[in-house]
Protein backbone atom coordinates (compact mmCIF):
# COMPACT_ATOMS: atom_id res chain seq x y z
CA UNK A 1 370.41 0.29 49.58
CA UNK A 2 370.23 0.73 45.82
CA UNK A 3 371.43 3.97 43.61
CA UNK A 4 368.40 5.54 42.02
CA UNK A 5 369.16 6.59 38.70
CA UNK A 6 366.54 9.00 37.05
CA UNK A 7 366.73 8.60 33.14
CA UNK A 8 366.39 11.80 31.48
CA UNK A 9 364.80 11.70 27.94
CA UNK A 10 366.44 13.46 25.39
CA UNK A 11 363.91 15.82 23.58
CA UNK A 12 363.75 15.39 19.75
CA UNK A 13 364.08 18.72 18.00
CA UNK A 14 361.47 19.61 15.36
CA UNK A 15 361.84 22.97 12.94
CA UNK A 16 358.49 24.00 12.17
CA UNK A 17 359.45 26.02 8.23
CA UNK A 18 357.11 28.53 6.39
CA UNK A 19 358.01 31.24 3.82
CA UNK A 20 357.94 34.07 6.38
CA UNK A 21 358.00 32.42 9.49
CA UNK A 22 355.32 35.29 10.33
CA UNK A 23 352.21 33.48 11.27
CA UNK A 24 351.83 29.28 10.72
CA UNK A 25 355.15 28.64 11.82
CA UNK A 26 355.55 30.43 14.91
CA UNK A 27 351.69 29.21 15.67
CA UNK A 28 353.31 25.65 15.32
CA UNK A 29 356.44 26.15 17.27
CA UNK A 30 354.00 27.67 20.14
CA UNK A 31 351.96 25.20 20.44
CA UNK A 32 354.77 22.11 20.14
CA UNK A 33 356.39 24.18 23.41
CA UNK A 34 352.65 24.34 25.12
CA UNK A 35 351.83 20.87 24.12
CA UNK A 36 354.42 19.06 23.69
CA UNK A 37 357.70 20.61 25.37
CA UNK A 38 358.44 17.62 27.68
CA UNK A 39 359.00 15.51 24.42
CA UNK A 40 360.02 17.82 21.79
CA UNK A 41 362.13 21.07 21.80
CA UNK A 42 360.65 23.15 19.42
CA UNK A 43 362.03 25.53 16.52
CA UNK A 44 360.40 27.82 13.70
CA UNK A 45 362.24 29.55 10.46
CA UNK A 46 361.36 30.85 7.37
CA UNK A 47 363.25 31.40 4.03
CA UNK A 48 362.29 34.26 3.56
CA UNK A 49 361.58 36.13 7.49
CA UNK A 50 359.00 38.71 7.46
CA UNK A 51 358.56 39.72 10.85
CA UNK A 52 355.52 37.90 13.14
CA UNK A 53 352.05 38.86 12.15
CA UNK A 54 350.03 40.90 14.76
CA UNK A 55 346.83 38.69 14.51
CA UNK A 56 348.81 35.69 14.80
CA UNK A 57 350.12 37.08 18.29
CA UNK A 58 346.49 38.30 18.78
CA UNK A 59 345.11 34.30 17.86
CA UNK A 60 347.56 32.65 20.26
CA UNK A 61 346.65 35.33 23.12
CA UNK A 62 342.88 34.59 22.86
CA UNK A 63 343.77 31.30 23.81
CA UNK A 64 346.67 31.96 26.56
CA UNK A 65 349.60 31.16 24.38
CA UNK A 66 352.26 34.22 24.59
CA UNK A 67 353.85 34.98 21.32
CA UNK A 68 355.12 38.70 22.22
CA UNK A 69 358.24 37.50 22.59
CA UNK A 70 358.66 35.67 19.36
CA UNK A 71 360.88 36.83 16.49
CA UNK A 72 361.19 35.91 12.85
CA UNK A 73 364.04 34.07 12.17
CA UNK A 74 365.63 32.79 9.02
CA UNK A 75 366.29 29.03 8.46
CA UNK A 76 370.00 30.15 7.72
CA UNK A 77 370.23 30.91 11.66
CA UNK A 78 370.25 26.91 12.47
CA UNK A 79 372.68 25.28 10.36
CA UNK A 80 374.45 23.70 13.11
CA UNK A 81 371.52 22.51 15.23
CA UNK A 82 370.67 18.96 14.16
CA UNK A 83 367.28 18.32 13.87
CA UNK A 84 365.11 15.17 14.14
CA UNK A 85 362.14 16.65 12.12
CA UNK A 86 361.71 19.51 9.73
CA UNK A 87 357.97 20.46 8.70
CA UNK A 88 357.34 22.71 6.13
CA UNK A 89 354.01 24.00 6.55
CA UNK A 90 353.41 26.00 2.98
CA UNK A 91 354.53 24.76 -0.60
CA UNK A 92 357.07 27.54 -1.11
CA UNK A 93 358.90 26.38 2.26
CA UNK A 94 358.80 22.69 0.70
CA UNK A 95 360.13 23.61 -2.51
CA UNK A 96 363.10 26.17 -1.07
CA UNK A 97 363.94 23.79 2.02
CA UNK A 98 367.40 23.82 2.38
CA UNK A 99 369.44 20.24 2.90
CA UNK A 100 368.84 18.58 5.81
CA UNK A 101 371.28 15.45 7.02
CA UNK A 102 370.12 12.04 6.40
CA UNK A 103 368.60 11.26 9.47
CA UNK A 104 366.25 14.40 9.49
CA UNK A 105 362.73 13.31 8.82
CA UNK A 106 361.06 15.80 6.61
CA UNK A 107 357.28 16.59 6.29
CA UNK A 108 355.28 18.58 4.49
CA UNK A 109 351.99 19.25 6.34
CA UNK A 110 350.39 22.55 4.64
CA UNK A 111 348.10 24.79 6.10
CA UNK A 112 346.28 27.71 4.45
CA UNK A 113 347.90 31.04 4.80
CA UNK A 114 345.98 33.61 7.62
CA UNK A 115 347.18 36.56 5.81
CA UNK A 116 346.34 35.77 2.32
CA UNK A 117 343.13 34.49 3.42
CA UNK A 118 342.27 37.43 5.91
CA UNK A 119 343.57 40.32 2.65
CA UNK A 120 340.02 39.47 1.02
CA UNK A 121 338.01 39.82 4.60
CA UNK A 122 335.52 42.39 4.73
CA UNK A 123 336.23 43.07 8.51
CA UNK A 124 338.22 42.70 11.22
CA UNK A 125 336.20 39.86 12.71
CA UNK A 126 336.26 37.89 9.05
CA UNK A 127 339.85 38.25 9.29
CA UNK A 128 340.18 36.79 12.39
CA UNK A 129 338.71 34.23 11.83
CA UNK A 130 340.64 32.70 9.51
CA UNK A 131 343.53 32.96 11.88
CA UNK A 132 341.41 30.81 14.64
CA UNK A 133 340.53 28.00 12.32
CA UNK A 134 344.40 27.71 11.10
CA UNK A 135 345.26 28.16 15.01
CA UNK A 136 343.45 25.12 15.79
CA UNK A 137 343.97 22.91 12.89
CA UNK A 138 347.49 23.31 13.38
CA UNK A 139 346.45 22.33 17.38
CA UNK A 140 345.10 19.26 16.27
CA UNK A 141 348.20 18.57 14.46
CA UNK A 142 350.45 19.35 17.12
CA UNK A 143 348.78 17.20 19.74
CA UNK A 144 349.24 14.13 17.17
CA UNK A 145 353.15 14.55 17.60
CA UNK A 146 355.40 13.00 17.97
CA UNK A 147 354.06 9.99 16.21
CA UNK A 148 352.64 11.55 13.06
CA UNK A 149 355.98 12.71 12.05
CA UNK A 150 356.98 8.78 12.26
CA UNK A 151 354.69 7.58 10.12
CA UNK A 152 356.18 6.83 6.75
CA UNK A 153 354.31 9.59 3.92
């Protein structure tokens, strides 16, 4: 009778980096946990953490993804965690991205900033439309992970 061994796949670690870790990076982390949690261990951080945006929490809750326990984190909280991927989601984060080991794949995948767009909205519904659109764009991006990050840019 042969022994059976279950091979455990090691999850690759991915860090989503944005300026404030308040909206886009939080959404990306949550989507990755929801859709790709069997393959990727997701984290998010900001170069200037600002607290989690209540509209981002609301937009994710509308589709059944809970951000209620999320907190805004600084990229400095991850100095000893070896990441396989770091994905910057805004230009400021890309320009301010700290050094990561050579084996870390850095990618820039910009998304519009819902809080900035919502600032000029004439109603709460109009403001939330920006959050919903970006939420859905981030979902489509996450659905292509990790393969889309393996391509050279």
